[in-house]
């Protein structure tokens, strides 16, 4: 599982989970946890790791999954983002995403790239 990893930074655990699940189906399961978001207790030195993480996930998608038009559209869109545009998106997240519970995101196709490109 740890051979040939592409991610060496903040999203390395995502790739480990992905590779584990691809190696043995059912090896990764959802377990609820209590979470307190605390800047004071955070060990994250990069204050805004989210866009680089998304770009890393795009690379993982390209490496581990077959081509898919919907995936490729989102991948290209994410790769094109800079920090300023990403911050604008965070300030205007489509209601179809905001109104959903986290456990509803196992499979979701209710939002398209065009929903994020509103000017």
N, C-alpha and C. Protein backbone atom coordinates (compact mmCIF):
# COMPACT_ATOMS: atom_id res chain seq x y z
N UNK A 1 0.83 -1.20 0.00
CA UNK A 1 0.00 0.00 0.00
C UNK A 1 0.87 1.26 0.00
N UNK A 2 1.99 1.23 0.70
CA UNK A 2 2.79 2.45 0.81
C UNK A 2 3.77 2.64 -0.34
N UNK A 3 3.90 1.64 -1.20
CA UNK A 3 4.76 1.80 -2.37
C UNK A 3 4.12 2.76 -3.36
N UNK A 4 4.95 3.59 -3.98
CA UNK A 4 4.52 4.43 -5.09
C UNK A 4 3.46 5.47 -4.71
N UNK A 5 3.55 6.04 -3.51
CA UNK A 5 2.64 7.11 -3.11
C UNK A 5 3.00 8.39 -3.87
N UNK A 6 1.99 9.14 -4.26
CA UNK A 6 2.26 10.41 -4.93
C UNK A 6 2.18 11.59 -3.96
N UNK A 7 1.51 11.41 -2.85
CA UNK A 7 1.30 12.52 -1.90
C UNK A 7 2.26 12.40 -0.72
N UNK A 8 3.02 13.45 -0.49
CA UNK A 8 3.99 13.48 0.61
C UNK A 8 3.65 14.55 1.65
N UNK A 9 2.56 15.27 1.44
CA UNK A 9 2.23 16.39 2.32
C UNK A 9 0.93 16.13 3.07
N UNK A 10 0.09 17.15 3.17
CA UNK A 10 -1.06 17.15 4.06
C UNK A 10 -2.11 16.08 3.73
N UNK A 11 -2.21 15.67 2.48
CA UNK A 11 -3.25 14.71 2.08
C UNK A 11 -2.73 13.27 2.00
N UNK A 12 -1.58 12.99 2.61
CA UNK A 12 -1.02 11.64 2.51
C UNK A 12 -1.96 10.59 3.07
N UNK A 13 -2.70 10.94 4.15
CA UNK A 13 -3.59 9.97 4.77
C UNK A 13 -4.76 9.61 3.86
N UNK A 14 -5.19 10.57 3.05
CA UNK A 14 -6.27 10.29 2.09
C UNK A 14 -5.80 9.25 1.09
N UNK A 15 -4.57 9.40 0.61
CA UNK A 15 -4.06 8.43 -0.35
C UNK A 15 -3.87 7.06 0.29
N UNK A 16 -3.43 7.01 1.54
CA UNK A 16 -3.29 5.72 2.23
C UNK A 16 -4.63 5.02 2.37
N UNK A 17 -5.66 5.77 2.74
CA UNK A 17 -7.00 5.19 2.85
C UNK A 17 -7.50 4.71 1.49
N UNK A 18 -7.29 5.52 0.47
CA UNK A 18 -7.72 5.16 -0.88
C UNK A 18 -7.02 3.89 -1.36
N UNK A 19 -5.70 3.85 -1.21
CA UNK A 19 -4.96 2.67 -1.67
C UNK A 19 -5.34 1.42 -0.86
N UNK A 20 -5.58 1.59 0.43
CA UNK A 20 -6.01 0.45 1.26
C UNK A 20 -7.33 -0.11 0.76
N UNK A 21 -8.27 0.77 0.48
CA UNK A 21 -9.59 0.33 0.00
C UNK A 21 -9.49 -0.31 -1.38
N UNK A 22 -8.65 0.24 -2.25
CA UNK A 22 -8.48 -0.35 -3.58
C UNK A 22 -7.79 -1.71 -3.49
N UNK A 23 -6.87 -1.84 -2.55
CA UNK A 23 -6.14 -3.10 -2.36
C UNK A 23 -7.05 -4.19 -1.81
N UNK A 24 -7.85 -3.82 -0.82
CA UNK A 24 -8.79 -4.79 -0.22
C UNK A 24 -10.11 -4.10 0.06
N UNK A 25 -11.09 -4.37 -0.79
CA UNK A 25 -12.42 -3.78 -0.66
C UNK A 25 -12.99 -4.02 0.73
N UNK A 26 -13.52 -2.98 1.35
CA UNK A 26 -14.11 -3.10 2.67
C UNK A 26 -13.12 -2.92 3.81
N UNK A 27 -11.87 -2.62 3.48
CA UNK A 27 -10.86 -2.46 4.53
C UNK A 27 -10.97 -1.10 5.23
N UNK A 28 -11.65 -0.17 4.61
CA UNK A 28 -11.86 1.15 5.22
C UNK A 28 -13.35 1.28 5.51
N UNK A 29 -13.67 1.60 6.75
CA UNK A 29 -15.07 1.74 7.15
C UNK A 29 -15.27 3.10 7.82
N UNK A 30 -16.51 3.56 7.79
CA UNK A 30 -16.86 4.82 8.46
C UNK A 30 -17.08 4.55 9.94
N UNK A 31 -16.44 5.37 10.77
CA UNK A 31 -16.63 5.28 12.22
C UNK A 31 -16.85 6.71 12.71
N UNK A 32 -17.99 6.98 13.36
CA UNK A 32 -18.24 8.34 13.85
C UNK A 32 -17.26 8.71 14.96
N UNK A 33 -16.84 9.97 14.93
CA UNK A 33 -15.96 10.48 15.98
C UNK A 33 -16.46 11.83 16.44
N UNK A 34 -16.08 12.21 17.64
CA UNK A 34 -16.37 13.56 18.13
C UNK A 34 -15.22 14.45 17.65
N UNK A 35 -15.55 15.64 17.19
CA UNK A 35 -14.53 16.52 16.63
C UNK A 35 -14.72 17.92 17.18
N UNK A 36 -13.64 18.51 17.64
CA UNK A 36 -13.65 19.90 18.06
C UNK A 36 -12.62 20.62 17.21
N UNK A 37 -13.07 21.58 16.42
CA UNK A 37 -12.17 22.35 15.57
C UNK A 37 -11.56 23.47 16.39
N UNK A 38 -10.27 23.40 16.62
CA UNK A 38 -9.60 24.38 17.47
C UNK A 38 -8.32 24.86 16.81
N UNK A 39 -8.27 26.14 16.45
CA UNK A 39 -7.04 26.70 15.90
C UNK A 39 -5.91 26.64 16.92
N UNK A 40 -6.23 26.83 18.19
CA UNK A 40 -5.20 26.82 19.24
C UNK A 40 -4.55 25.44 19.37
N UNK A 41 -5.32 24.39 19.22
CA UNK A 41 -4.80 23.03 19.39
C UNK A 41 -4.32 22.40 18.08
N UNK A 42 -4.48 23.09 16.98
CA UNK A 42 -4.12 22.53 15.68
C UNK A 42 -2.62 22.35 15.54
N UNK A 43 -2.25 21.25 14.89
CA UNK A 43 -0.84 21.01 14.58
C UNK A 43 -0.55 21.36 13.12
N UNK A 44 -1.52 21.90 12.43
CA UNK A 44 -1.35 22.28 11.04
C UNK A 44 -0.58 23.59 10.97
N UNK A 45 0.57 23.58 10.31
CA UNK A 45 1.34 24.82 10.18
C UNK A 45 0.89 25.62 8.97
N UNK A 46 0.38 24.95 7.95
CA UNK A 46 -0.16 25.64 6.77
C UNK A 46 -1.59 26.02 7.08
N UNK A 47 -1.87 27.31 7.15
CA UNK A 47 -3.20 27.75 7.56
C UNK A 47 -4.27 27.47 6.52
N UNK A 48 -3.89 27.33 5.27
CA UNK A 48 -4.87 27.08 4.22
C UNK A 48 -4.45 25.88 3.38
N UNK A 49 -4.53 24.67 3.93
CA UNK A 49 -4.10 23.49 3.16
C UNK A 49 -5.15 22.97 2.19
N UNK A 50 -6.32 23.57 2.16
CA UNK A 50 -7.44 22.96 1.47
C UNK A 50 -7.30 22.92 -0.05
N UNK A 51 -6.89 24.00 -0.67
CA UNK A 51 -6.74 23.98 -2.13
C UNK A 51 -5.61 23.03 -2.54
N UNK A 52 -4.45 23.07 -1.90
CA UNK A 52 -3.43 22.07 -2.25
C UNK A 52 -3.91 20.63 -2.02
N UNK A 53 -4.71 20.41 -0.98
CA UNK A 53 -5.25 19.07 -0.74
C UNK A 53 -6.18 18.66 -1.89
N UNK A 54 -7.04 19.56 -2.31
CA UNK A 54 -7.94 19.25 -3.43
C UNK A 54 -7.14 18.91 -4.68
N UNK A 55 -6.09 19.67 -4.93
CA UNK A 55 -5.26 19.40 -6.11
C UNK A 55 -4.55 18.06 -5.98
N UNK A 56 -4.17 17.68 -4.77
CA UNK A 56 -3.57 16.36 -4.55
C UNK A 56 -4.60 15.26 -4.81
N UNK A 57 -5.83 15.49 -4.38
CA UNK A 57 -6.89 14.50 -4.61
C UNK A 57 -7.16 14.35 -6.10
N UNK A 58 -7.06 15.44 -6.85
CA UNK A 58 -7.19 15.36 -8.31
C UNK A 58 -6.12 14.43 -8.88
N UNK A 59 -4.88 14.60 -8.42
CA UNK A 59 -3.80 13.73 -8.91
C UNK A 59 -4.07 12.26 -8.55
N UNK A 60 -4.61 12.04 -7.35
CA UNK A 60 -4.95 10.67 -6.95
C UNK A 60 -6.04 10.11 -7.85
N UNK A 61 -7.05 10.92 -8.13
CA UNK A 61 -8.13 10.49 -9.02
C UNK A 61 -7.58 10.10 -10.38
N UNK A 62 -6.67 10.91 -10.90
CA UNK A 62 -6.10 10.63 -12.22
C UNK A 62 -5.25 9.36 -12.20
N UNK A 63 -4.58 9.09 -11.09
CA UNK A 63 -3.70 7.92 -11.02
C UNK A 63 -4.47 6.62 -10.77
N UNK A 64 -5.46 6.66 -9.89
CA UNK A 64 -6.07 5.42 -9.40
C UNK A 64 -7.42 5.06 -10.03
N UNK A 65 -8.03 5.98 -10.77
CA UNK A 65 -9.35 5.71 -11.32
C UNK A 65 -9.36 5.91 -12.83
N UNK A 66 -10.24 5.19 -13.53
CA UNK A 66 -10.33 5.37 -14.99
C UNK A 66 -10.91 6.74 -15.34
N UNK A 67 -10.66 7.15 -16.57
CA UNK A 67 -11.20 8.42 -17.05
C UNK A 67 -12.72 8.44 -16.92
N UNK A 68 -13.24 9.60 -16.56
CA UNK A 68 -14.68 9.80 -16.41
C UNK A 68 -14.93 11.27 -16.72
N UNK A 69 -15.88 11.56 -17.59
CA UNK A 69 -16.12 12.94 -18.01
C UNK A 69 -16.45 13.87 -16.85
N UNK A 70 -17.32 13.43 -15.92
CA UNK A 70 -17.66 14.27 -14.78
C UNK A 70 -16.44 14.51 -13.89
N UNK A 71 -15.69 13.43 -13.62
CA UNK A 71 -14.48 13.58 -12.80
C UNK A 71 -13.48 14.51 -13.48
N UNK A 72 -13.30 14.33 -14.79
CA UNK A 72 -12.33 15.14 -15.52
C UNK A 72 -12.73 16.61 -15.52
N UNK A 73 -14.03 16.89 -15.60
CA UNK A 73 -14.48 18.29 -15.57
C UNK A 73 -14.13 18.93 -14.24
N UNK A 74 -14.42 18.24 -13.12
CA UNK A 74 -14.07 18.78 -11.81
C UNK A 74 -12.56 18.86 -11.63
N UNK A 75 -11.84 17.85 -12.11
CA UNK A 75 -10.38 17.84 -11.97
C UNK A 75 -9.77 19.05 -12.68
N UNK A 76 -10.19 19.29 -13.90
CA UNK A 76 -9.67 20.44 -14.64
C UNK A 76 -10.01 21.75 -13.96
N UNK A 77 -11.22 21.84 -13.45
CA UNK A 77 -11.65 23.05 -12.75
C UNK A 77 -10.80 23.28 -11.50
N UNK A 78 -10.60 22.25 -10.70
CA UNK A 78 -9.81 22.39 -9.47
C UNK A 78 -8.37 22.74 -9.80
N UNK A 79 -7.81 22.11 -10.81
CA UNK A 79 -6.43 22.42 -11.20
C UNK A 79 -6.27 23.87 -11.64
N UNK A 80 -7.34 24.47 -12.17
CA UNK A 80 -7.26 25.85 -12.67
C UNK A 80 -7.39 26.90 -11.57
N UNK A 81 -7.79 26.49 -10.37
CA UNK A 81 -8.06 27.45 -9.30
C UNK A 81 -6.78 28.03 -8.71
N UNK A 82 -6.85 29.32 -8.39
CA UNK A 82 -5.82 29.95 -7.57
C UNK A 82 -6.46 30.26 -6.22
N UNK A 83 -5.66 30.71 -5.25
CA UNK A 83 -6.18 30.95 -3.90
C UNK A 83 -7.32 31.97 -3.88
N UNK A 84 -7.21 33.03 -4.66
CA UNK A 84 -8.24 34.08 -4.67
C UNK A 84 -9.58 33.53 -5.17
N UNK A 85 -9.55 32.80 -6.27
CA UNK A 85 -10.78 32.21 -6.81
C UNK A 85 -11.35 31.18 -5.85
N UNK A 86 -10.48 30.39 -5.24
CA UNK A 86 -10.92 29.39 -4.27
C UNK A 86 -11.63 30.05 -3.09
N UNK A 87 -11.10 31.16 -2.60
CA UNK A 87 -11.74 31.87 -1.49
C UNK A 87 -13.11 32.40 -1.89
N UNK A 88 -13.25 32.87 -3.12
CA UNK A 88 -14.56 33.33 -3.60
C UNK A 88 -15.56 32.17 -3.60
N UNK A 89 -15.12 31.01 -4.03
CA UNK A 89 -15.99 29.84 -4.05
C UNK A 89 -16.41 29.47 -2.63
N UNK A 90 -15.46 29.50 -1.69
CA UNK A 90 -15.77 29.17 -0.30
C UNK A 90 -16.81 30.12 0.29
N UNK A 91 -16.81 31.35 -0.18
CA UNK A 91 -17.79 32.33 0.31
C UNK A 91 -19.15 32.18 -0.35
N UNK A 92 -19.25 31.41 -1.43
CA UNK A 92 -20.51 31.23 -2.15
C UNK A 92 -20.73 29.76 -2.51
N UNK A 93 -20.63 28.88 -1.52
CA UNK A 93 -20.82 27.45 -1.76
C UNK A 93 -22.27 27.20 -2.16
N UNK A 94 -22.50 26.46 -3.26
CA UNK A 94 -23.89 26.20 -3.69
C UNK A 94 -24.72 25.57 -2.58
N UNK A 95 -25.98 26.02 -2.48
CA UNK A 95 -26.86 25.54 -1.41
C UNK A 95 -27.08 24.03 -1.47
N UNK A 96 -26.93 23.44 -2.66
CA UNK A 96 -27.09 21.99 -2.81
C UNK A 96 -26.00 21.23 -2.04
N UNK A 97 -24.90 21.89 -1.76
CA UNK A 97 -23.83 21.28 -0.97
C UNK A 97 -24.02 21.62 0.50
N UNK A 98 -24.25 22.89 0.80
CA UNK A 98 -24.36 23.36 2.18
C UNK A 98 -25.50 22.68 2.92
N UNK A 99 -26.59 22.40 2.23
CA UNK A 99 -27.79 21.86 2.89
C UNK A 99 -27.71 20.35 3.16
N UNK A 100 -26.66 19.70 2.73
CA UNK A 100 -26.55 18.24 2.90
C UNK A 100 -25.76 17.89 4.15
N UNK A 101 -26.08 16.74 4.72
CA UNK A 101 -25.33 16.21 5.86
C UNK A 101 -24.09 15.48 5.34
N UNK A 102 -23.01 15.46 6.11
CA UNK A 102 -21.79 14.78 5.65
C UNK A 102 -22.00 13.33 5.22
N UNK A 103 -22.88 12.61 5.89
CA UNK A 103 -23.09 11.20 5.54
C UNK A 103 -23.83 11.01 4.22
N UNK A 104 -24.28 12.10 3.60
CA UNK A 104 -24.97 12.02 2.31
C UNK A 104 -24.02 12.15 1.13
N UNK A 105 -22.74 12.29 1.38
CA UNK A 105 -21.78 12.56 0.31
C UNK A 105 -21.03 11.33 -0.18
N UNK A 106 -21.56 10.13 0.07
CA UNK A 106 -20.91 8.93 -0.44
C UNK A 106 -20.90 8.96 -1.96
N UNK A 107 -22.00 9.31 -2.56
CA UNK A 107 -22.10 9.49 -4.01
C UNK A 107 -23.00 10.69 -4.21
N UNK A 108 -22.54 11.64 -5.01
CA UNK A 108 -23.34 12.86 -5.18
C UNK A 108 -23.06 13.47 -6.53
N UNK A 109 -24.12 13.77 -7.27
CA UNK A 109 -23.94 14.39 -8.58
C UNK A 109 -24.88 15.58 -8.77
N UNK A 110 -25.32 16.17 -7.67
CA UNK A 110 -26.27 17.28 -7.74
C UNK A 110 -25.66 18.63 -8.06
N UNK A 111 -24.34 18.72 -8.07
CA UNK A 111 -23.66 19.98 -8.36
C UNK A 111 -22.66 19.73 -9.48
N UNK A 112 -22.66 20.63 -10.45
CA UNK A 112 -21.75 20.52 -11.59
C UNK A 112 -20.74 21.66 -11.54
N UNK A 113 -19.70 21.55 -12.33
CA UNK A 113 -18.67 22.59 -12.40
C UNK A 113 -19.28 23.95 -12.71
N UNK A 114 -20.27 23.98 -13.58
CA UNK A 114 -20.90 25.25 -13.96
C UNK A 114 -21.53 25.97 -12.77
N UNK A 115 -21.92 25.23 -11.73
CA UNK A 115 -22.50 25.85 -10.53
C UNK A 115 -21.47 26.69 -9.78
N UNK A 116 -20.20 26.41 -9.98
CA UNK A 116 -19.14 27.16 -9.31
C UNK A 116 -18.61 28.30 -10.16
N UNK A 117 -18.97 28.34 -11.43
CA UNK A 117 -18.43 29.34 -12.34
C UNK A 117 -19.36 30.52 -12.55
N UNK A 118 -20.29 30.73 -11.64
CA UNK A 118 -21.21 31.86 -11.76
C UNK A 118 -20.44 33.15 -11.52
N UNK A 119 -20.62 34.10 -12.42
CA UNK A 119 -19.93 35.40 -12.28
C UNK A 119 -20.83 36.47 -11.74
